[in-house]
Amino acid sequence: QVQLAESGGGLVQAGGSLRLSCAASGRTFTNYPMAWFRQAPGKEREFVARISWGLGNTYTYYKDSVKGRFTISRDNAKNTVYLQMNSLKPEDTAVYYCAADRFNINLDRRRLLDYGYWGQGTQVTVSS
């Protein structure tokens, strides 16, 4: 059975950093795009970042408000995806989820329904 497990969340002051990890098991996600979403209290789940690759290139996509602050990456040997978050702001407070795309498509895909596998989430709280 496919499982995605997030870790690395916590409480941090504004301006601080956190690195989230998403470990995949049950299937090799090497060829499948992965993404991070987040959901703040009372709000819908939203896209944060996505990583995919093909033809020797890596493709990354970001929500506008996190560009330049967040970096998505992956370690295929560990079947793990990371989200490095710097210069955190109180508005970044949310539960962060990792997800695996249903298909190996190197496009900018940001809809929840594009992703077939989800982790349980990890809480990130940024205090002002």
Foldseek 3Di string as FASTA:
>chain_A
DKAKAKDWADEEAQQAKIKMKIFIPPDQCQLWKKFKWWDDPPGDIWGAKIWHDDPPDIDMDGDPVQPPFWDWDDDRVRSMIMIIGGRDDQVVWTWMKMFTAPDRDPDDDIDPVRTDHIHPTDTHGYHD
